[in-house]
């Protein structure tokens, strides 16, 4: 049985969690989780993060409708980072883009490589 207490949380009790589209492999976003949000995610199947700015739980898509359904949670070799393989409905980024990683650095310049989604 998976024991979240075996994860290596930082001094604030947080661990980075990367969300990746389970079908395409596209990296969607990175956010923080604590032990309780890990447990809630595994229990509900809805990815639940910890908002550092609001100091509260944040179920992805709860207000936007852009839900992340957990397909599989993976733990890295050092047990200090999580990978969430998800089914993403709509954009993952609060800027209405599919991914939060929409800015590339090419030849020393920032280039926007992804437009906001329509609708």
PDB file of N, CA and C in Angstrom:
ATOM      1  N   UNK A   1       0.844  -1.181   0.000  1.00  0.00           N
ATOM      2  CA  UNK A   1       0.000   0.000   0.000  1.00  0.00           C
ATOM      3  C   UNK A   1       0.892   1.249   0.000  1.00  0.00           C
ATOM      4  N   UNK A   2       0.537   2.223  -0.795  1.00  0.00           N
ATOM      5  CA  UNK A   2       1.309   3.464  -0.875  1.00  0.00           C
ATOM      6  C   UNK A   2       1.162   4.262   0.412  1.00  0.00           C
ATOM      7  N   UNK A   3       2.287   4.736   0.926  1.00  0.00           N
ATOM      8  CA  UNK A   3       2.304   5.513   2.152  1.00  0.00           C
ATOM      9  C   UNK A   3       2.852   6.906   1.851  1.00  0.00           C
ATOM     10  N   UNK A   4       1.981   7.947   1.795  1.00  0.00           N
ATOM     11  CA  UNK A   4       2.444   9.303   1.483  1.00  0.00           C
ATOM     12  C   UNK A   4       3.515   9.824   2.442  1.00  0.00           C
ATOM     13  N   UNK A   5       3.617   9.264   3.647  1.00  0.00           N
ATOM     14  CA  UNK A   5       4.627   9.741   4.590  1.00  0.00           C
ATOM     15  C   UNK A   5       6.046   9.384   4.135  1.00  0.00           C
ATOM     16  N   UNK A   6       6.178   8.510   3.139  1.00  0.00           N
ATOM     17  CA  UNK A   6       7.501   8.153   2.613  1.00  0.00           C
ATOM     18  C   UNK A   6       7.999   9.179   1.600  1.00  0.00           C
ATOM     19  N   UNK A   7       7.142  10.131   1.219  1.00  0.00           N
ATOM     20  CA  UNK A   7       7.561  11.184   0.292  1.00  0.00           C
ATOM     21  C   UNK A   7       8.446  12.184   1.024  1.00  0.00           C
ATOM     22  N   UNK A   8       9.307  12.855   0.270  1.00  0.00           N
ATOM     23  CA  UNK A   8      10.210  13.848   0.848  1.00  0.00           C
ATOM     24  C   UNK A   8       9.652  15.245   0.572  1.00  0.00           C
ATOM     25  N   UNK A   9       8.926  15.768   1.537  1.00  0.00           N
ATOM     26  CA  UNK A   9       8.343  17.105   1.445  1.00  0.00           C
ATOM     27  C   UNK A   9       9.395  18.134   1.832  1.00  0.00           C
ATOM     28  N   UNK A  10       9.268  19.364   1.318  1.00  0.00           N
ATOM     29  CA  UNK A  10      10.213  20.423   1.669  1.00  0.00           C
ATOM     30  C   UNK A  10       9.918  20.949   3.077  1.00  0.00           C
ATOM     31  N   UNK A  11      10.659  21.973   3.488  1.00  0.00           N
ATOM     32  CA  UNK A  11      10.518  22.528   4.834  1.00  0.00           C
ATOM     33  C   UNK A  11       9.115  23.066   5.106  1.00  0.00           C
ATOM     34  N   UNK A  12       8.379  23.404   4.053  1.00  0.00           N
ATOM     35  CA  UNK A  12       7.003  23.901   4.186  1.00  0.00           C
ATOM     36  C   UNK A  12       5.972  22.777   4.085  1.00  0.00           C
ATOM     37  N   UNK A  13       6.436  21.541   4.001  1.00  0.00           N
ATOM     38  CA  UNK A  13       5.526  20.401   3.904  1.00  0.00           C
ATOM     39  C   UNK A  13       4.959  20.205   2.511  1.00  0.00           C
ATOM     40  N   UNK A  14       5.661  20.721   1.498  1.00  0.00           N
ATOM     41  CA  UNK A  14       5.166  20.668   0.121  1.00  0.00           C
ATOM     42  C   UNK A  14       6.081  19.834  -0.772  1.00  0.00           C
ATOM     43  N   UNK A  15       5.492  19.342  -1.852  1.00  0.00           N
ATOM     44  CA  UNK A  15       6.221  18.586  -2.864  1.00  0.00           C
ATOM     45  C   UNK A  15       5.737  19.074  -4.231  1.00  0.00           C
ATOM     46  N   UNK A  16       6.671  19.284  -5.193  1.00  0.00           N
ATOM     47  CA  UNK A  16       6.229  19.698  -6.524  1.00  0.00           C
ATOM     48  C   UNK A  16       5.514  18.552  -7.243  1.00  0.00           C
ATOM     49  N   UNK A  17       4.478  18.909  -7.976  1.00  0.00           N
ATOM     50  CA  UNK A  17       3.700  17.931  -8.736  1.00  0.00           C
ATOM     51  C   UNK A  17       3.561  18.438 -10.168  1.00  0.00           C
ATOM     52  N   UNK A  18       4.037  17.660 -11.099  1.00  0.00           N
ATOM     53  CA  UNK A  18       3.959  18.004 -12.521  1.00  0.00           C
ATOM     54  C   UNK A  18       2.778  17.263 -13.121  1.00  0.00           C
ATOM     55  N   UNK A  19       1.921  17.998 -13.823  1.00  0.00           N
ATOM     56  CA  UNK A  19       0.778  17.388 -14.498  1.00  0.00           C
ATOM     57  C   UNK A  19       1.134  17.183 -15.964  1.00  0.00           C
ATOM     58  N   UNK A  20       0.933  15.961 -16.442  1.00  0.00           N
ATOM     59  CA  UNK A  20       1.238  15.593 -17.820  1.00  0.00           C
ATOM     60  C   UNK A  20       0.013  14.907 -18.414  1.00  0.00           C
ATOM     61  N   UNK A  21      -0.317  15.266 -19.651  1.00  0.00           N
ATOM     62  CA  UNK A  21      -1.436  14.631 -20.340  1.00  0.00           C
ATOM     63  C   UNK A  21      -1.110  13.148 -20.526  1.00  0.00           C
ATOM     64  N   UNK A  22      -1.965  12.290 -20.008  1.00  0.00           N
ATOM     65  CA  UNK A  22      -1.711  10.851 -20.048  1.00  0.00           C
ATOM     66  C   UNK A  22      -1.696  10.297 -21.466  1.00  0.00           C
ATOM     67  N   UNK A  23      -2.429  10.917 -22.376  1.00  0.00           N
ATOM     68  CA  UNK A  23      -2.488  10.420 -23.756  1.00  0.00           C
ATOM     69  C   UNK A  23      -1.362  10.952 -24.623  1.00  0.00           C
ATOM     70  N   UNK A  24      -1.159  12.270 -24.605  1.00  0.00           N
ATOM     71  CA  UNK A  24      -0.199  12.896 -25.520  1.00  0.00           C
ATOM     72  C   UNK A  24       1.210  13.025 -24.950  1.00  0.00           C
ATOM     73  N   UNK A  25       1.340  12.974 -23.627  1.00  0.00           N
ATOM     74  CA  UNK A  25       2.634  13.186 -22.994  1.00  0.00           C
ATOM     75  C   UNK A  25       2.983  14.655 -22.810  1.00  0.00           C
ATOM     76  N   UNK A  26       2.093  15.557 -23.230  1.00  0.00           N
ATOM     77  CA  UNK A  26       2.337  16.985 -23.107  1.00  0.00           C
ATOM     78  C   UNK A  26       2.402  17.391 -21.631  1.00  0.00           C
ATOM     79  N   UNK A  27       3.436  18.156 -21.273  1.00  0.00           N
ATOM     80  CA  UNK A  27       3.547  18.679 -19.917  1.00  0.00           C
ATOM     81  C   UNK A  27       2.603  19.873 -19.814  1.00  0.00           C
ATOM     82  N   UNK A  28       1.702  19.834 -18.846  1.00  0.00           N
ATOM     83  CA  UNK A  28       0.651  20.837 -18.732  1.00  0.00           C
ATOM     84  C   UNK A  28       0.954  21.922 -17.709  1.00  0.00           C
ATOM     85  N   UNK A  29       1.419  21.539 -16.544  1.00  0.00           N
ATOM     86  CA  UNK A  29       1.614  22.517 -15.478  1.00  0.00           C
ATOM     87  C   UNK A  29       2.418  21.902 -14.344  1.00  0.00           C
ATOM     88  N   UNK A  30       2.825  22.768 -13.415  1.00  0.00           N
ATOM     89  CA  UNK A  30       3.450  22.343 -12.176  1.00  0.00           C
ATOM     90  C   UNK A  30       2.763  23.092 -11.048  1.00  0.00           C
ATOM     91  N   UNK A  31       2.489  22.386  -9.974  1.00  0.00           N
ATOM     92  CA  UNK A  31       1.897  23.014  -8.795  1.00  0.00           C
ATOM     93  C   UNK A  31       2.409  22.259  -7.569  1.00  0.00           C
ATOM     94  N   UNK A  32       1.954  22.671  -6.413  1.00  0.00           N
ATOM     95  CA  UNK A  32       2.426  22.090  -5.159  1.00  0.00           C
ATOM     96  C   UNK A  32       1.346  21.238  -4.510  1.00  0.00           C
ATOM     97  N   UNK A  33       1.792  20.206  -3.812  1.00  0.00           N
ATOM     98  CA  UNK A  33       0.892  19.359  -3.038  1.00  0.00           C
ATOM     99  C   UNK A  33       1.483  19.189  -1.644  1.00  0.00           C
ATOM    100  N   UNK A  34       0.599  18.954  -0.674  1.00  0.00           N
ATOM    101  CA  UNK A  34       1.046  18.541   0.653  1.00  0.00           C
ATOM    102  C   UNK A  34       0.516  17.123   0.879  1.00  0.00           C
ATOM    103  N   UNK A  35       0.794  16.547   2.031  1.00  0.00           N
ATOM    104  CA  UNK A  35       0.388  15.160   2.274  1.00  0.00           C
ATOM    105  C   UNK A  35      -1.121  14.983   2.151  1.00  0.00           C
ATOM    106  N   UNK A  36      -1.875  15.956   2.639  1.00  0.00           N
ATOM    107  CA  UNK A  36      -3.342  15.867   2.581  1.00  0.00           C
ATOM    108  C   UNK A  36      -3.848  15.958   1.144  1.00  0.00           C
ATOM    109  N   UNK A  37      -3.260  16.841   0.319  1.00  0.00           N
ATOM    110  CA  UNK A  37      -3.734  16.944  -1.063  1.00  0.00           C
ATOM    111  C   UNK A  37      -3.363  15.687  -1.863  1.00  0.00           C
ATOM    112  N   UNK A  38      -2.233  15.054  -1.523  1.00  0.00           N
ATOM    113  CA  UNK A  38      -1.893  13.769  -2.151  1.00  0.00           C
ATOM    114  C   UNK A  38      -2.965  12.739  -1.800  1.00  0.00           C
ATOM    115  N   UNK A  39      -3.310  12.664  -0.525  1.00  0.00           N
ATOM    116  CA  UNK A  39      -4.327  11.704  -0.077  1.00  0.00           C
ATOM    117  C   UNK A  39      -5.683  11.987  -0.721  1.00  0.00           C
ATOM    118  N   UNK A  40      -6.077  13.266  -0.769  1.00  0.00           N
ATOM    119  CA  UNK A  40      -7.363  13.629  -1.389  1.00  0.00           C
ATOM    120  C   UNK A  40      -7.387  13.271  -2.871  1.00  0.00           C
ATOM    121  N   UNK A  41      -6.268  13.493  -3.552  1.00  0.00           N
ATOM    122  CA  UNK A  41      -6.184  13.166  -4.982  1.00  0.00           C
ATOM    123  C   UNK A  41      -6.368  11.670  -5.196  1.00  0.00           C
ATOM    124  N   UNK A  42      -5.667  10.872  -4.405  1.00  0.00           N
ATOM    125  CA  UNK A  42      -5.771   9.418  -4.550  1.00  0.00           C
ATOM    126  C   UNK A  42      -7.159   8.905  -4.201  1.00  0.00           C
ATOM    127  N   UNK A  43      -7.788   9.529  -3.223  1.00  0.00           N
ATOM    128  CA  UNK A  43      -9.121   9.115  -2.791  1.00  0.00           C
ATOM    129  C   UNK A  43     -10.203   9.484  -3.804  1.00  0.00           C
ATOM    130  N   UNK A  44     -10.112  10.699  -4.359  1.00  0.00           N
ATOM    131  CA  UNK A  44     -11.189  11.217  -5.212  1.00  0.00           C
ATOM    132  C   UNK A  44     -10.963  10.995  -6.705  1.00  0.00           C
ATOM    133  N   UNK A  45      -9.700  10.867  -7.119  1.00  0.00           N
ATOM    134  CA  UNK A  45      -9.400  10.782  -8.550  1.00  0.00           C
ATOM    135  C   UNK A  45      -9.376  12.134  -9.237  1.00  0.00           C
ATOM    136  N   UNK A  46      -9.670  13.199  -8.487  1.00  0.00           N
ATOM    137  CA  UNK A  46      -9.582  14.580  -8.976  1.00  0.00           C
ATOM    138  C   UNK A  46      -8.314  15.187  -8.404  1.00  0.00           C
ATOM    139  N   UNK A  47      -7.444  15.719  -9.264  1.00  0.00           N
ATOM    140  CA  UNK A  47      -6.166  16.230  -8.777  1.00  0.00           C
ATOM    141  C   UNK A  47      -6.407  17.461  -7.898  1.00  0.00           C
ATOM    142  N   UNK A  48      -5.887  17.381  -6.690  1.00  0.00           N
ATOM    143  CA  UNK A  48      -6.053  18.424  -5.680  1.00  0.00           C
ATOM    144  C   UNK A  48      -4.676  18.952  -5.289  1.00  0.00           C
ATOM    145  N   UNK A  49      -4.474  20.232  -5.468  1.00  0.00           N
ATOM    146  CA  UNK A  49      -3.200  20.870  -5.151  1.00  0.00           C
ATOM    147  C   UNK A  49      -3.339  21.697  -3.879  1.00  0.00           C
ATOM    148  N   UNK A  50      -2.203  22.219  -3.399  1.00  0.00           N
ATOM    149  CA  UNK A  50      -2.188  23.159  -2.288  1.00  0.00           C
ATOM    150  C   UNK A  50      -1.802  24.519  -2.840  1.00  0.00           C
ATOM    151  N   UNK A  51      -2.654  25.495  -2.676  1.00  0.00           N
ATOM    152  CA  UNK A  51      -2.374  26.850  -3.135  1.00  0.00           C
ATOM    153  C   UNK A  51      -1.565  27.578  -2.078  1.00  0.00           C
ATOM    154  N   UNK A  52      -0.326  27.917  -2.409  1.00  0.00           N
ATOM    155  CA  UNK A  52       0.525  28.640  -1.466  1.00  0.00           C
ATOM    156  C   UNK A  52       0.006  30.053  -1.239  1.00  0.00           C
ATOM    157  N   UNK A  53      -0.514  30.685  -2.284  1.00  0.00           N
ATOM    158  CA  UNK A  53      -0.976  32.069  -2.137  1.00  0.00           C
ATOM    159  C   UNK A  53      -2.268  32.150  -1.317  1.00  0.00           C
ATOM    160  N   UNK A  54      -3.175  31.195  -1.508  1.00  0.00           N
ATOM    161  CA  UNK A  54      -4.448  31.206  -0.781  1.00  0.00           C
ATOM    162  C   UNK A  54      -4.398  30.392   0.508  1.00  0.00           C
ATOM    163  N   UNK A  55      -3.329  29.594   0.664  1.00  0.00           N
ATOM    164  CA  UNK A  55      -3.206  28.702   1.821  1.00  0.00           C
ATOM    165  C   UNK A  55      -4.448  27.821   1.963  1.00  0.00           C
ATOM    166  N   UNK A  56      -4.818  27.192   0.835  1.00  0.00           N
ATOM    167  CA  UNK A  56      -5.987  26.321   0.852  1.00  0.00           C
ATOM    168  C   UNK A  56      -5.867  25.269  -0.243  1.00  0.00           C
ATOM    169  N   UNK A  57      -6.699  24.240  -0.127  1.00  0.00           N
ATOM    170  CA  UNK A  57      -6.727  23.207  -1.151  1.00  0.00           C
ATOM    171  C   UNK A  57      -7.368  23.748  -2.405  1.00  0.00           C
ATOM    172  N   UNK A  58      -6.924  23.233  -3.529  1.00  0.00           N
ATOM    173  CA  UNK A  58      -7.391  23.689  -4.827  1.00  0.00           C
ATOM    174  C   UNK A  58      -7.614  22.451  -5.692  1.00  0.00           C
ATOM    175  N   UNK A  59      -8.866  22.120  -5.913  1.00  0.00           N
ATOM    176  CA  UNK A  59      -9.203  21.005  -6.792  1.00  0.00           C
ATOM    177  C   UNK A  59      -9.211  21.550  -8.210  1.00  0.00           C
ATOM    178  N   UNK A  60      -8.300  21.071  -9.024  1.00  0.00           N
ATOM    179  CA  UNK A  60      -8.158  21.598 -10.382  1.00  0.00           C
ATOM    180  C   UNK A  60      -9.491  21.483 -11.116  1.00  0.00           C
ATOM    181  N   UNK A  61      -9.975  22.607 -11.620  1.00  0.00           N
ATOM    182  CA  UNK A  61     -11.217  22.652 -12.382  1.00  0.00           C
ATOM    183  C   UNK A  61     -12.446  22.942 -11.550  1.00  0.00           C
ATOM    184  N   UNK A  62     -12.287  23.067 -10.226  1.00  0.00           N
ATOM    185  CA  UNK A  62     -13.440  23.292  -9.352  1.00  0.00           C
ATOM    186  C   UNK A  62     -14.199  24.567  -9.720  1.00  0.00           C
ATOM    187  N   UNK A  63     -13.470  25.643 -10.040  1.00  0.00           N
ATOM    188  CA  UNK A  63     -14.150  26.882 -10.423  1.00  0.00           C
ATOM    189  C   UNK A  63     -14.163  27.083 -11.933  1.00  0.00           C
ATOM    190  N   UNK A  64     -13.140  26.611 -12.640  1.00  0.00           N
ATOM    191  CA  UNK A  64     -13.035  26.849 -14.088  1.00  0.00           C
ATOM    192  C   UNK A  64     -13.745  25.791 -14.932  1.00  0.00           C
ATOM    193  N   UNK A  65     -13.960  24.614 -14.361  1.00  0.00           N
ATOM    194  CA  UNK A  65     -14.502  23.504 -15.129  1.00  0.00           C
ATOM    195  C   UNK A  65     -13.434  22.743 -15.906  1.00  0.00           C
ATOM    196  N   UNK A  66     -12.181  23.188 -15.808  1.00  0.00           N
ATOM    197  CA  UNK A  66     -11.071  22.557 -16.535  1.00  0.00           C
ATOM    198  C   UNK A  66     -10.447  21.473 -15.654  1.00  0.00           C
ATOM    199  N   UNK A  67     -11.184  20.391 -15.505  1.00  0.00           N
ATOM    200  CA  UNK A  67     -10.898  19.330 -14.555  1.00  0.00           C
ATOM    201  C   UNK A  67      -9.682  18.500 -14.975  1.00  0.00           C
ATOM    202  N   UNK A  68      -8.909  18.088 -13.965  1.00  0.00           N
ATOM    203  CA  UNK A  68      -7.853  17.104 -14.176  1.00  0.00           C
ATOM    204  C   UNK A  68      -8.273  15.828 -13.468  1.00  0.00           C
ATOM    205  N   UNK A  69      -8.471  14.770 -14.253  1.00  0.00           N
ATOM    206  CA  UNK A  69      -8.795  13.461 -13.702  1.00  0.00           C
ATOM    207  C   UNK A  69      -7.499  12.661 -13.624  1.00  0.00           C
ATOM    208  N   UNK A  70      -7.204  12.136 -12.459  1.00  0.00           N
ATOM    209  CA  UNK A  70      -5.981  11.370 -12.270  1.00  0.00           C
ATOM    210  C   UNK A  70      -6.072  10.026 -12.983  1.00  0.00           C
ATOM    211  N   UNK A  71      -5.093   9.743 -13.827  1.00  0.00           N
ATOM    212  CA  UNK A  71      -4.963   8.435 -14.449  1.00  0.00           C
ATOM    213  C   UNK A  71      -3.958   7.609 -13.654  1.00  0.00           C
ATOM    214  N   UNK A  72      -2.829   8.244 -13.298  1.00  0.00           N
ATOM    215  CA  UNK A  72      -1.803   7.551 -12.526  1.00  0.00           C
ATOM    216  C   UNK A  72      -0.904   8.571 -11.838  1.00  0.00           C
ATOM    217  N   UNK A  73      -0.543   8.299 -10.597  1.00  0.00           N
ATOM    218  CA  UNK A  73       0.425   9.125  -9.879  1.00  0.00           C
ATOM    219  C   UNK A  73       1.753   8.376  -9.880  1.00  0.00           C
ATOM    220  N   UNK A  74       2.827   9.107 -10.201  1.00  0.00           N
ATOM    221  CA  UNK A  74       4.157   8.514 -10.174  1.00  0.00           C
ATOM    222  C   UNK A  74       5.046   9.294  -9.222  1.00  0.00           C
ATOM    223  N   UNK A  75       5.964   8.582  -8.580  1.00  0.00           N
ATOM    224  CA  UNK A  75       6.906   9.159  -7.630  1.00  0.00           C
ATOM    225  C   UNK A  75       8.295   9.049  -8.242  1.00  0.00           C
ATOM    226  N   UNK A  76       9.074  10.148  -8.203  1.00  0.00           N
ATOM    227  CA  UNK A  76      10.420  10.087  -8.782  1.00  0.00           C
ATOM    228  C   UNK A  76      11.376   9.321  -7.863  1.00  0.00           C
ATOM    229  N   UNK A  77      12.580   9.075  -8.370  1.00  0.00           N
ATOM    230  CA  UNK A  77      13.564   8.229  -7.687  1.00  0.00           C
ATOM    231  C   UNK A  77      13.986   8.761  -6.321  1.00  0.00           C
ATOM    232  N   UNK A  78      13.994  10.071  -6.139  1.00  0.00           N
ATOM    233  CA  UNK A  78      14.365  10.666  -4.858  1.00  0.00           C
ATOM    234  C   UNK A  78      13.164  10.856  -3.938  1.00  0.00           C
ATOM    235  N   UNK A  79      11.980  10.543  -4.437  1.00  0.00           N
ATOM    236  CA  UNK A  79      10.720  10.668  -3.700  1.00  0.00           C
ATOM    237  C   UNK A  79      10.420  12.115  -3.300  1.00  0.00           C
ATOM    238  N   UNK A  80      10.967  13.092  -4.088  1.00  0.00           N
ATOM    239  CA  UNK A  80      10.747  14.504  -3.769  1.00  0.00           C
ATOM    240  C   UNK A  80      10.040  15.265  -4.883  1.00  0.00           C
ATOM    241  N   UNK A  81       9.439  14.549  -5.814  1.00  0.00           N
ATOM    242  CA  UNK A  81       8.663  15.152  -6.901  1.00  0.00           C
ATOM    243  C   UNK A  81       7.653  14.125  -7.391  1.00  0.00           C
ATOM    244  N   UNK A  82       6.459  14.618  -7.740  1.00  0.00           N
ATOM    245  CA  UNK A  82       5.398  13.746  -8.238  1.00  0.00           C
ATOM    246  C   UNK A  82       5.087  14.070  -9.692  1.00  0.00           C
ATOM    247  N   UNK A  83       4.684  13.056 -10.419  1.00  0.00           N
ATOM    248  CA  UNK A  83       4.195  13.211 -11.781  1.00  0.00           C
ATOM    249  C   UNK A  83       2.759  12.723 -11.795  1.00  0.00           C
ATOM    250  N   UNK A  84       1.857  13.625 -12.181  1.00  0.00           N
ATOM    251  CA  UNK A  84       0.442  13.281 -12.276  1.00  0.00           C
ATOM    252  C   UNK A  84       0.102  13.060 -13.752  1.00  0.00           C
ATOM    253  N   UNK A  85      -0.186  11.839 -14.132  1.00  0.00           N
ATOM    254  CA  UNK A  85      -0.681  11.578 -15.486  1.00  0.00           C
ATOM    255  C   UNK A  85      -2.183  11.794 -15.423  1.00  0.00           C
ATOM    256  N   UNK A  86      -2.662  12.725 -16.246  1.00  0.00           N
ATOM    257  CA  UNK A  86      -4.047  13.176 -16.109  1.00  0.00           C
ATOM    258  C   UNK A  86      -4.787  13.176 -17.438  1.00  0.00           C
ATOM    259  N   UNK A  87      -6.102  13.170 -17.318  1.00  0.00           N
ATOM    260  CA  UNK A  87      -6.993  13.516 -18.428  1.00  0.00           C
ATOM    261  C   UNK A  87      -7.411  14.949 -18.150  1.00  0.00           C
ATOM    262  N   UNK A  88      -7.006  15.869 -19.015  1.00  0.00           N
ATOM    263  CA  UNK A  88      -7.269  17.298 -18.831  1.00  0.00           C
ATOM    264  C   UNK A  88      -8.443  17.724 -19.699  1.00  0.00           C
ATOM    265  N   UNK A  89      -9.436  18.344 -19.081  1.00  0.00           N
ATOM    266  CA  UNK A  89     -10.549  18.940 -19.829  1.00  0.00           C
ATOM    267  C   UNK A  89     -10.249  20.418 -20.012  1.00  0.00           C
ATOM    268  N   UNK A  90     -10.136  20.868 -21.268  1.00  0.00           N
ATOM    269  CA  UNK A  90      -9.883  22.274 -21.543  1.00  0.00           C
ATOM    270  C   UNK A  90      -8.457  22.667 -21.207  1.00  0.00           C
ATOM    271  N   UNK A  91      -8.215  23.973 -21.057  1.00  0.00           N
ATOM    272  CA  UNK A  91      -6.862  24.452 -20.772  1.00  0.00           C
ATOM    273  C   UNK A  91      -6.440  24.099 -19.347  1.00  0.00           C
ATOM    274  N   UNK A  92      -5.139  23.875 -19.172  1.00  0.00           N
ATOM    275  CA  UNK A  92      -4.597  23.621 -17.830  1.00  0.00           C
ATOM    276  C   UNK A  92      -4.147  24.918 -17.169  1.00  0.00           C
ATOM    277  N   UNK A  93      -3.786  25.915 -17.988  1.00  0.00           N
ATOM    278  CA  UNK A  93      -3.228  27.164 -17.472  1.00  0.00           C
ATOM    279  C   UNK A  93      -4.317  28.200 -17.195  1.00  0.00           C
ATOM    280  N   UNK A  94      -4.098  29.000 -16.168  1.00  0.00           N
ATOM    281  CA  UNK A  94      -5.062  30.056 -15.843  1.00  0.00           C
ATOM    282  C   UNK A  94      -5.115  31.141 -16.922  1.00  0.00           C
ATOM    283  N   UNK A  95      -4.144  31.124 -17.865  1.00  0.00           N
ATOM    284  CA  UNK A  95      -4.152  32.080 -18.980  1.00  0.00           C
ATOM    285  C   UNK A  95      -4.992  31.555 -20.152  1.00  0.00           C
ATOM    286  N   UNK A  96      -5.692  30.451 -19.938  1.00  0.00           N
ATOM    287  CA  UNK A  96      -6.560  29.807 -20.930  1.00  0.00           C
ATOM    288  C   UNK A  96      -5.752  29.113 -22.038  1.00  0.00           C
ATOM    289  N   UNK A  97      -4.507  28.735 -21.730  1.00  0.00           N
ATOM    290  CA  UNK A  97      -3.696  27.965 -22.669  1.00  0.00           C
ATOM    291  C   UNK A  97      -3.699  26.500 -22.237  1.00  0.00           C
ATOM    292  N   UNK A  98      -3.472  25.635 -23.178  1.00  0.00           N
ATOM    293  CA  UNK A  98      -3.436  24.199 -22.896  1.00  0.00           C
ATOM    294  C   UNK A  98      -2.391  23.879 -21.825  1.00  0.00           C
ATOM    295  N   UNK A  99      -1.234  24.542 -21.892  1.00  0.00           N
ATOM    296  CA  UNK A  99      -0.125  24.293 -20.981  1.00  0.00           C
ATOM    297  C   UNK A  99       0.371  25.610 -20.387  1.00  0.00           C
ATOM    298  N   UNK A 100       0.901  25.548 -19.182  1.00  0.00           N
ATOM    299  CA  UNK A 100       1.531  26.724 -18.575  1.00  0.00           C
ATOM    300  C   UNK A 100       2.884  27.024 -19.221  1.00  0.00           C
ATOM    301  N   UNK A 101       3.429  26.062 -19.941  1.00  0.00           N
ATOM    302  CA  UNK A 101       4.751  26.213 -20.555  1.00  0.00           C
ATOM    303  C   UNK A 101       4.608  26.695 -21.997  1.00  0.00           C
ATOM    304  N   UNK A 102       4.125  27.921 -22.140  1.00  0.00           N
ATOM    305  CA  UNK A 102       3.867  28.475 -23.470  1.00  0.00           C
ATOM    306  C   UNK A 102       4.907  29.501 -23.904  1.00  0.00           C
ATOM    307  N   UNK A 103       5.940  29.687 -23.103  1.00  0.00           N
ATOM    308  CA  UNK A 103       7.015  30.608 -23.458  1.00  0.00           C
ATOM    309  C   UNK A 103       8.305  29.821 -23.632  1.00  0.00           C
ATOM    310  N   UNK A 104       8.894  29.913 -24.822  1.00  0.00           N
ATOM    311  CA  UNK A 104      10.176  29.266 -25.101  1.00  0.00           C
ATOM    312  C   UNK A 104      11.271  30.322 -25.113  1.00  0.00           C
ATOM    313  N   UNK A 105      12.472  29.902 -24.762  1.00  0.00           N
ATOM    314  CA  UNK A 105      13.635  30.774 -24.891  1.00  0.00           C
ATOM    315  C   UNK A 105      14.430  30.238 -26.074  1.00  0.00           C
ATOM    316  N   UNK A 106      14.432  31.009 -27.147  1.00  0.00           N
ATOM    317  CA  UNK A 106      15.096  30.606 -28.392  1.00  0.00           C
ATOM    318  C   UNK A 106      16.098  31.674 -28.795  1.00  0.00           C
ATOM    319  N   UNK A 107      17.348  31.247 -28.915  1.00  0.00           N
ATOM    320  CA  UNK A 107      18.432  32.166 -29.283  1.00  0.00           C
ATOM    321  C   UNK A 107      18.450  33.389 -28.368  1.00  0.00           C
ATOM    322  N   UNK A 108      18.220  33.144 -27.072  1.00  0.00           N
ATOM    323  CA  UNK A 108      18.288  34.205 -26.080  1.00  0.00           C
ATOM    324  C   UNK A 108      17.056  35.081 -25.970  1.00  0.00           C
ATOM    325  N   UNK A 109      16.026  34.797 -26.757  1.00  0.00           N
ATOM    326  CA  UNK A 109      14.797  35.603 -26.747  1.00  0.00           C
ATOM    327  C   UNK A 109      13.607  34.761 -26.289  1.00  0.00           C
ATOM    328  N   UNK A 110      12.701  35.415 -25.566  1.00  0.00           N
ATOM    329  CA  UNK A 110      11.454  34.747 -25.200  1.00  0.00           C
ATOM    330  C   UNK A 110      10.493  34.779 -26.379  1.00  0.00           C
ATOM    331  N   UNK A 111       9.919  33.613 -26.672  1.00  0.00           N
ATOM    332  CA  UNK A 111       8.985  33.486 -27.785  1.00  0.00           C
ATOM    333  C   UNK A 111       7.727  32.788 -27.288  1.00  0.00           C
ATOM    334  N   UNK A 112       6.567  33.424 -27.483  1.00  0.00           N
ATOM    335  CA  UNK A 112       5.298  32.788 -27.114  1.00  0.00           C
ATOM    336  C   UNK A 112       4.968  31.755 -28.180  1.00  0.00           C
ATOM    337  N   UNK A 113       4.841  30.499 -27.768  1.00  0.00           N
ATOM    338  CA  UNK A 113       4.657  29.411 -28.725  1.00  0.00           C
ATOM    339  C   UNK A 113       3.248  28.818 -28.699  1.00  0.00           C
ATOM    340  N   UNK A 114       2.370  29.393 -27.871  1.00  0.00           N
ATOM    341  CA  UNK A 114       1.031  28.841 -27.743  1.00  0.00           C
ATOM    342  C   UNK A 114       0.038  29.967 -27.471  1.00  0.00           C
ATOM    343  N   UNK A 115      -1.005  30.019 -28.248  1.00  0.00           N
ATOM    344  CA  UNK A 115      -2.063  31.027 -28.073  1.00  0.00           C
ATOM    345  C   UNK A 115      -3.098  30.514 -27.074  1.00  0.00           C
ATOM    346  N   UNK A 116      -3.831  31.416 -26.422  1.00  0.00           N
ATOM    347  CA  UNK A 116      -4.954  30.978 -25.594  1.00  0.00           C
ATOM    348  C   UNK A 116      -5.961  30.190 -26.425  1.00  0.00           C
ATOM    349  N   UNK A 117      -6.636  29.259 -25.766  1.00  0.00           N
ATOM    350  CA  UNK A 117      -7.635  28.432 -26.443  1.00  0.00           C
ATOM    351  C   UNK A 117      -8.882  29.271 -26.721  1.00  0.00           C
ATOM    352  N   UNK A 118      -9.544  28.967 -27.804  1.00  0.00           N
ATOM    353  CA  UNK A 118     -10.779  29.681 -28.172  1.00  0.00           C
ATOM    354  C   UNK A 118     -11.907  29.291 -27.220  1.00  0.00           C
ATOM    355  N   UNK A 119     -12.829  30.211 -27.046  1.00  0.00           N
ATOM    356  CA  UNK A 119     -14.033  29.891 -26.335  1.00  0.00           C
ATOM    357  C   UNK A 119     -14.057  30.310 -24.945  1.00  0.00           C
TER     358      UNK A 119
END
